[in-house]
PDB file of all heavy atoms in Angstrom:
ATOM      1  N   ALA A   1       0.811  -1.222  -0.003  1.00  0.00           N
ATOM      2  CA  ALA A   1      -0.009   0.003   0.000  1.00  0.00           C
ATOM      3  C   ALA A   1       0.836   1.263  -0.017  1.00  0.00           C
ATOM      4  O   ALA A   1       0.403   2.319  -0.522  1.00  0.00           O
ATOM      5  CB  ALA A   1      -0.934  -0.031   1.221  1.00  0.00           C
ATOM      6  N   VAL A   2       2.067   1.181   0.571  1.00  0.00           N
ATOM      7  CA  VAL A   2       2.910   2.376   0.609  1.00  0.00           C
ATOM      8  C   VAL A   2       3.856   2.432  -0.629  1.00  0.00           C
ATOM      9  O   VAL A   2       3.925   3.484  -1.232  1.00  0.00           O
ATOM     10  CB  VAL A   2       3.797   2.351   1.902  1.00  0.00           C
ATOM     11  CG1 VAL A   2       4.833   3.431   1.913  1.00  0.00           C
ATOM     12  CG2 VAL A   2       2.898   2.440   3.132  1.00  0.00           C
ATOM     13  N   CYS A   3       4.489   1.343  -0.940  1.00  0.00           N
ATOM     14  CA  CYS A   3       5.532   1.374  -1.975  1.00  0.00           C
ATOM     15  C   CYS A   3       4.982   1.477  -3.377  1.00  0.00           C
ATOM     16  O   CYS A   3       5.541   2.169  -4.255  1.00  0.00           O
ATOM     17  CB  CYS A   3       6.424   0.162  -1.820  1.00  0.00           C
ATOM     18  SG  CYS A   3       7.404   0.117  -0.327  1.00  0.00           S
ATOM     19  N   VAL A   4       3.902   0.776  -3.683  1.00  0.00           N
ATOM     20  CA  VAL A   4       3.425   0.711  -5.071  1.00  0.00           C
ATOM     21  C   VAL A   4       2.831   2.066  -5.525  1.00  0.00           C
ATOM     22  O   VAL A   4       3.231   2.589  -6.540  1.00  0.00           O
ATOM     23  CB  VAL A   4       2.369  -0.396  -5.241  1.00  0.00           C
ATOM     24  CG1 VAL A   4       1.733  -0.376  -6.627  1.00  0.00           C
ATOM     25  CG2 VAL A   4       2.996  -1.770  -4.976  1.00  0.00           C
ATOM     26  N   PRO A   5       1.942   2.722  -4.714  1.00  0.00           N
ATOM     27  CA  PRO A   5       1.516   4.059  -5.138  1.00  0.00           C
ATOM     28  C   PRO A   5       2.680   5.049  -5.288  1.00  0.00           C
ATOM     29  O   PRO A   5       2.674   5.947  -6.164  1.00  0.00           O
ATOM     30  CB  PRO A   5       0.529   4.463  -4.039  1.00  0.00           C
ATOM     31  CG  PRO A   5       0.102   3.220  -3.423  1.00  0.00           C
ATOM     32  CD  PRO A   5       1.240   2.293  -3.529  1.00  0.00           C
ATOM     33  N   LEU A   6       3.649   4.969  -4.386  1.00  0.00           N
ATOM     34  CA  LEU A   6       4.794   5.897  -4.445  1.00  0.00           C
ATOM     35  C   LEU A   6       5.586   5.613  -5.688  1.00  0.00           C
ATOM     36  O   LEU A   6       6.032   6.587  -6.388  1.00  0.00           O
ATOM     37  CB  LEU A   6       5.704   5.641  -3.175  1.00  0.00           C
ATOM     38  CG  LEU A   6       6.932   6.515  -3.132  1.00  0.00           C
ATOM     39  CD1 LEU A   6       6.560   8.001  -3.089  1.00  0.00           C
ATOM     40  CD2 LEU A   6       7.798   6.151  -1.909  1.00  0.00           C
ATOM     41  N   ALA A   7       5.803   4.371  -6.059  1.00  0.00           N
ATOM     42  CA  ALA A   7       6.548   4.039  -7.279  1.00  0.00           C
ATOM     43  C   ALA A   7       5.776   4.534  -8.545  1.00  0.00           C
ATOM     44  O   ALA A   7       6.419   5.058  -9.476  1.00  0.00           O
ATOM     45  CB  ALA A   7       6.812   2.549  -7.385  1.00  0.00           C
ATOM     46  N   ARG A   8       4.498   4.374  -8.524  1.00  0.00           N
ATOM     47  CA  ARG A   8       3.713   4.823  -9.673  1.00  0.00           C
ATOM     48  C   ARG A   8       3.661   6.354  -9.758  1.00  0.00           C
ATOM     49  O   ARG A   8       3.716   6.939 -10.873  1.00  0.00           O
ATOM     50  CB  ARG A   8       2.264   4.309  -9.593  1.00  0.00           C
ATOM     51  CG  ARG A   8       2.191   2.804  -9.807  1.00  0.00           C
ATOM     52  CD  ARG A   8       0.747   2.331  -9.736  1.00  0.00           C
ATOM     53  NE  ARG A   8      -0.028   2.819 -10.881  1.00  0.00           N
ATOM     54  CZ  ARG A   8      -0.079   2.125 -12.057  1.00  0.00           C
ATOM     55  NH1 ARG A   8       0.518   0.956 -12.190  1.00  0.00           N
ATOM     56  NH2 ARG A   8      -0.756   2.644 -13.043  1.00  0.00           N
ATOM     57  N   ARG A   9       3.711   6.989  -8.604  1.00  0.00           N
ATOM     58  CA  ARG A   9       3.727   8.491  -8.643  1.00  0.00           C
ATOM     59  C   ARG A   9       5.048   8.983  -9.175  1.00  0.00           C
ATOM     60  O   ARG A   9       5.122  10.038  -9.810  1.00  0.00           O
ATOM     61  CB  ARG A   9       3.525   9.033  -7.212  1.00  0.00           C
ATOM     62  CG  ARG A   9       3.355  10.495  -7.146  1.00  0.00           C
ATOM     63  CD  ARG A   9       2.927  10.953  -5.736  1.00  0.00           C
ATOM     64  NE  ARG A   9       2.702  12.378  -5.705  1.00  0.00           N
ATOM     65  CZ  ARG A   9       1.569  12.994  -6.123  1.00  0.00           C
ATOM     66  NH1 ARG A   9       0.558  12.273  -6.539  1.00  0.00           N
ATOM     67  NH2 ARG A   9       1.442  14.309  -6.027  1.00  0.00           N
ATOM     68  N   LEU A  10       6.118   8.256  -8.891  1.00  0.00           N
ATOM     69  CA  LEU A  10       7.447   8.588  -9.404  1.00  0.00           C
ATOM     70  C   LEU A  10       7.678   8.073 -10.824  1.00  0.00           C
ATOM     71  O   LEU A  10       8.766   8.141 -11.340  1.00  0.00           O
ATOM     72  CB  LEU A  10       8.552   8.037  -8.470  1.00  0.00           C
ATOM     73  CG  LEU A  10       8.590   8.577  -7.055  1.00  0.00           C
ATOM     74  CD1 LEU A  10       9.583   7.817  -6.232  1.00  0.00           C
ATOM     75  CD2 LEU A  10       8.895  10.057  -7.065  1.00  0.00           C
ATOM     76  N   ARG A  11       6.621   7.426 -11.410  1.00  0.00           N
ATOM     77  CA  ARG A  11       6.610   6.903 -12.813  1.00  0.00           C
ATOM     78  C   ARG A  11       7.660   5.783 -12.941  1.00  0.00           C
ATOM     79  O   ARG A  11       8.300   5.671 -13.987  1.00  0.00           O
ATOM     80  CB  ARG A  11       6.890   8.026 -13.805  1.00  0.00           C
ATOM     81  CG  ARG A  11       5.850   9.139 -13.813  1.00  0.00           C
ATOM     82  CD  ARG A  11       6.098  10.124 -14.898  1.00  0.00           C
ATOM     83  NE  ARG A  11       5.010  11.119 -14.967  1.00  0.00           N
ATOM     84  CZ  ARG A  11       4.956  12.110 -15.786  1.00  0.00           C
ATOM     85  NH1 ARG A  11       5.893  12.276 -16.695  1.00  0.00           N
ATOM     86  NH2 ARG A  11       3.935  12.987 -15.766  1.00  0.00           N
ATOM     87  N   LEU A  12       7.842   5.000 -11.917  1.00  0.00           N
ATOM     88  CA  LEU A  12       8.713   3.842 -11.937  1.00  0.00           C
ATOM     89  C   LEU A  12       7.971   2.539 -12.222  1.00  0.00           C
ATOM     90  O   LEU A  12       8.627   1.517 -12.471  1.00  0.00           O
ATOM     91  CB  LEU A  12       9.455   3.744 -10.599  1.00  0.00           C
ATOM     92  CG  LEU A  12      10.330   4.909 -10.208  1.00  0.00           C
ATOM     93  CD1 LEU A  12      10.943   4.680  -8.812  1.00  0.00           C
ATOM     94  CD2 LEU A  12      11.435   5.081 -11.215  1.00  0.00           C
ATOM     95  N   GLY A  13       6.657   2.574 -12.232  1.00  0.00           N
ATOM     96  CA  GLY A  13       5.864   1.381 -12.493  1.00  0.00           C
ATOM     97  C   GLY A  13       5.601   0.584 -11.204  1.00  0.00           C
ATOM     98  O   GLY A  13       6.314   0.681 -10.228  1.00  0.00           O
ATOM     99  N   SER A  14       4.538  -0.161 -11.223  1.00  0.00           N
ATOM    100  CA  SER A  14       4.140  -0.926 -10.034  1.00  0.00           C
ATOM    101  C   SER A  14       5.071  -2.060  -9.733  1.00  0.00           C
ATOM    102  O   SER A  14       5.193  -2.443  -8.549  1.00  0.00           O
ATOM    103  CB  SER A  14       2.705  -1.467 -10.238  1.00  0.00           C
ATOM    104  OG  SER A  14       2.608  -2.324 -11.312  1.00  0.00           O
ATOM    105  N   ILE A  15       5.732  -2.608 -10.745  1.00  0.00           N
ATOM    106  CA  ILE A  15       6.578  -3.772 -10.467  1.00  0.00           C
ATOM    107  C   ILE A  15       7.723  -3.399  -9.575  1.00  0.00           C
ATOM    108  O   ILE A  15       8.030  -4.106  -8.594  1.00  0.00           O
ATOM    109  CB  ILE A  15       7.136  -4.319 -11.815  1.00  0.00           C
ATOM    110  CG1 ILE A  15       5.989  -4.857 -12.671  1.00  0.00           C
ATOM    111  CG2 ILE A  15       8.155  -5.451 -11.585  1.00  0.00           C
ATOM    112  CD1 ILE A  15       6.405  -5.338 -14.056  1.00  0.00           C
ATOM    113  N   LEU A  16       8.408  -2.289  -9.844  1.00  0.00           N
ATOM    114  CA  LEU A  16       9.497  -1.821  -8.973  1.00  0.00           C
ATOM    115  C   LEU A  16       8.935  -1.544  -7.548  1.00  0.00           C
ATOM    116  O   LEU A  16       9.656  -1.739  -6.552  1.00  0.00           O
ATOM    117  CB  LEU A  16      10.187  -0.615  -9.563  1.00  0.00           C
ATOM    118  CG  LEU A  16      11.251  -0.852 -10.585  1.00  0.00           C
ATOM    119  CD1 LEU A  16      11.833   0.445 -11.080  1.00  0.00           C
ATOM    120  CD2 LEU A  16      12.341  -1.775 -10.059  1.00  0.00           C
ATOM    121  N   GLY A  17       7.739  -1.054  -7.469  1.00  0.00           N
ATOM    122  CA  GLY A  17       7.108  -0.835  -6.132  1.00  0.00           C
ATOM    123  C   GLY A  17       6.992  -2.112  -5.370  1.00  0.00           C
ATOM    124  O   GLY A  17       7.321  -2.172  -4.157  1.00  0.00           O
ATOM    125  N   TYR A  18       6.512  -3.163  -6.021  1.00  0.00           N
ATOM    126  CA  TYR A  18       6.386  -4.442  -5.339  1.00  0.00           C
ATOM    127  C   TYR A  18       7.757  -4.989  -4.962  1.00  0.00           C
ATOM    128  O   TYR A  18       7.935  -5.581  -3.868  1.00  0.00           O
ATOM    129  CB  TYR A  18       5.673  -5.470  -6.214  1.00  0.00           C
ATOM    130  CG  TYR A  18       4.148  -5.245  -6.288  1.00  0.00           C
ATOM    131  CD1 TYR A  18       3.522  -4.962  -7.509  1.00  0.00           C
ATOM    132  CD2 TYR A  18       3.354  -5.387  -5.159  1.00  0.00           C
ATOM    133  CE1 TYR A  18       2.170  -4.788  -7.573  1.00  0.00           C
ATOM    134  CE2 TYR A  18       1.977  -5.242  -5.213  1.00  0.00           C
ATOM    135  CZ  TYR A  18       1.391  -4.895  -6.422  1.00  0.00           C
ATOM    136  OH  TYR A  18       0.041  -4.759  -6.474  1.00  0.00           O
ATOM    137  N   LEU A  19       8.695  -4.879  -5.851  1.00  0.00           N
ATOM    138  CA  LEU A  19      10.069  -5.344  -5.562  1.00  0.00           C
ATOM    139  C   LEU A  19      10.648  -4.641  -4.353  1.00  0.00           C
ATOM    140  O   LEU A  19      11.251  -5.294  -3.438  1.00  0.00           O
ATOM    141  CB  LEU A  19      11.005  -5.161  -6.759  1.00  0.00           C
ATOM    142  CG  LEU A  19      10.705  -6.047  -8.037  1.00  0.00           C
ATOM    143  CD1 LEU A  19      11.580  -5.598  -9.176  1.00  0.00           C
ATOM    144  CD2 LEU A  19      10.942  -7.497  -7.703  1.00  0.00           C
ATOM    145  N   ALA A  20      10.492  -3.336  -4.295  1.00  0.00           N
ATOM    146  CA  ALA A  20      10.993  -2.570  -3.177  1.00  0.00           C
ATOM    147  C   ALA A  20      10.272  -2.926  -1.879  1.00  0.00           C
ATOM    148  O   ALA A  20      10.907  -3.097  -0.822  1.00  0.00           O
ATOM    149  CB  ALA A  20      10.815  -1.092  -3.430  1.00  0.00           C
ATOM    150  N   ALA A  21       8.963  -3.170  -1.977  1.00  0.00           N
ATOM    151  CA  ALA A  21       8.171  -3.579  -0.792  1.00  0.00           C
ATOM    152  C   ALA A  21       8.750  -4.892  -0.277  1.00  0.00           C
ATOM    153  O   ALA A  21       8.883  -5.058   0.983  1.00  0.00           O
ATOM    154  CB  ALA A  21       6.688  -3.644  -1.147  1.00  0.00           C
ATOM    155  N   GLY A  22       8.935  -5.872  -1.149  1.00  0.00           N
ATOM    156  CA  GLY A  22       9.458  -7.137  -0.693  1.00  0.00           C
ATOM    157  C   GLY A  22      10.814  -7.049  -0.069  1.00  0.00           C
ATOM    158  O   GLY A  22      11.084  -7.673   0.947  1.00  0.00           O
ATOM    159  N   ALA A  23      11.683  -6.233  -0.660  1.00  0.00           N
ATOM    160  CA  ALA A  23      13.068  -6.108  -0.086  1.00  0.00           C
ATOM    161  C   ALA A  23      12.979  -5.446   1.290  1.00  0.00           C
ATOM    162  O   ALA A  23      13.785  -5.782   2.199  1.00  0.00           O
ATOM    163  CB  ALA A  23      13.895  -5.242  -1.071  1.00  0.00           C
ATOM    164  N   ILE A  24      12.102  -4.491   1.506  1.00  0.00           N
ATOM    165  CA  ILE A  24      12.005  -3.796   2.799  1.00  0.00           C
ATOM    166  C   ILE A  24      11.547  -4.697   3.897  1.00  0.00           C
ATOM    167  O   ILE A  24      12.117  -4.706   4.986  1.00  0.00           O
ATOM    168  CB  ILE A  24      11.032  -2.546   2.645  1.00  0.00           C
ATOM    169  CG1 ILE A  24      11.706  -1.503   1.763  1.00  0.00           C
ATOM    170  CG2 ILE A  24      10.771  -1.973   3.993  1.00  0.00           C
ATOM    171  CD1 ILE A  24      10.762  -0.335   1.390  1.00  0.00           C
ATOM    172  N   ILE A  25      10.565  -5.567   3.658  1.00  0.00           N
ATOM    173  CA  ILE A  25       9.978  -6.375   4.728  1.00  0.00           C
ATOM    174  C   ILE A  25      10.660  -7.749   4.789  1.00  0.00           C
ATOM    175  O   ILE A  25      10.307  -8.586   5.656  1.00  0.00           O
ATOM    176  CB  ILE A  25       8.454  -6.515   4.665  1.00  0.00           C
ATOM    177  CG1 ILE A  25       8.092  -7.256   3.331  1.00  0.00           C
ATOM    178  CG2 ILE A  25       7.786  -5.115   4.678  1.00  0.00           C
ATOM    179  CD1 ILE A  25       6.614  -7.557   3.228  1.00  0.00           C
ATOM    180  N   GLY A  26      11.480  -8.075   3.783  1.00  0.00           N
ATOM    181  CA  GLY A  26      12.071  -9.393   3.716  1.00  0.00           C
ATOM    182  C   GLY A  26      13.178  -9.644   4.719  1.00  0.00           C
ATOM    183  O   GLY A  26      13.491  -8.819   5.581  1.00  0.00           O
ATOM    184  N   PRO A  27      13.863 -10.825   4.582  1.00  0.00           N
ATOM    185  CA  PRO A  27      14.876 -11.211   5.552  1.00  0.00           C
ATOM    186  C   PRO A  27      16.044 -10.181   5.629  1.00  0.00           C
ATOM    187  O   PRO A  27      16.664 -10.091   6.651  1.00  0.00           O
ATOM    188  CB  PRO A  27      15.379 -12.577   4.987  1.00  0.00           C
ATOM    189  CG  PRO A  27      14.225 -13.084   4.156  1.00  0.00           C
ATOM    190  CD  PRO A  27      13.601 -11.834   3.580  1.00  0.00           C
ATOM    191  N   TRP A  28      16.364  -9.544   4.512  1.00  0.00           N
ATOM    192  CA  TRP A  28      17.531  -8.605   4.514  1.00  0.00           C
ATOM    193  C   TRP A  28      17.069  -7.154   4.778  1.00  0.00           C
ATOM    194  O   TRP A  28      17.891  -6.295   4.696  1.00  0.00           O
ATOM    195  CB  TRP A  28      18.264  -8.716   3.238  1.00  0.00           C
ATOM    196  CG  TRP A  28      18.904 -10.055   3.072  1.00  0.00           C
ATOM    197  CD1 TRP A  28      18.341 -11.139   2.389  1.00  0.00           C
ATOM    198  CD2 TRP A  28      20.073 -10.553   3.660  1.00  0.00           C
ATOM    199  NE1 TRP A  28      19.196 -12.255   2.463  1.00  0.00           N
ATOM    200  CE2 TRP A  28      20.264 -11.882   3.260  1.00  0.00           C
ATOM    201  CE3 TRP A  28      21.084  -9.949   4.448  1.00  0.00           C
ATOM    202  CZ2 TRP A  28      21.365 -12.646   3.666  1.00  0.00           C
ATOM    203  CZ3 TRP A  28      22.164 -10.673   4.851  1.00  0.00           C
ATOM    204  CH2 TRP A  28      22.250 -12.035   4.432  1.00  0.00           C
ATOM    205  N   GLY A  29      15.776  -6.959   4.980  1.00  0.00           N
ATOM    206  CA  GLY A  29      15.241  -5.634   5.265  1.00  0.00           C
ATOM    207  C   GLY A  29      14.889  -5.524   6.755  1.00  0.00           C
ATOM    208  O   GLY A  29      15.696  -5.761   7.644  1.00  0.00           O
ATOM    209  N   LEU A  30      13.634  -5.324   6.989  1.00  0.00           N
ATOM    210  CA  LEU A  30      13.162  -5.215   8.380  1.00  0.00           C
ATOM    211  C   LEU A  30      12.952  -6.612   9.025  1.00  0.00           C
ATOM    212  O   LEU A  30      12.722  -6.702  10.229  1.00  0.00           O
ATOM    213  CB  LEU A  30      11.811  -4.500   8.447  1.00  0.00           C
ATOM    214  CG  LEU A  30      11.841  -3.000   7.947  1.00  0.00           C
ATOM    215  CD1 LEU A  30      10.445  -2.417   7.958  1.00  0.00           C
ATOM    216  CD2 LEU A  30      12.820  -2.211   8.779  1.00  0.00           C
TER     217      LEU A  30
END
């Protein structure tokens, strides 16, 4: 909910938003 709208607003596309979201909450993130 946080990363995907932000990525789309920055015109990076939803895919990069999902990738960033996974990296943030994953084993190597939080």
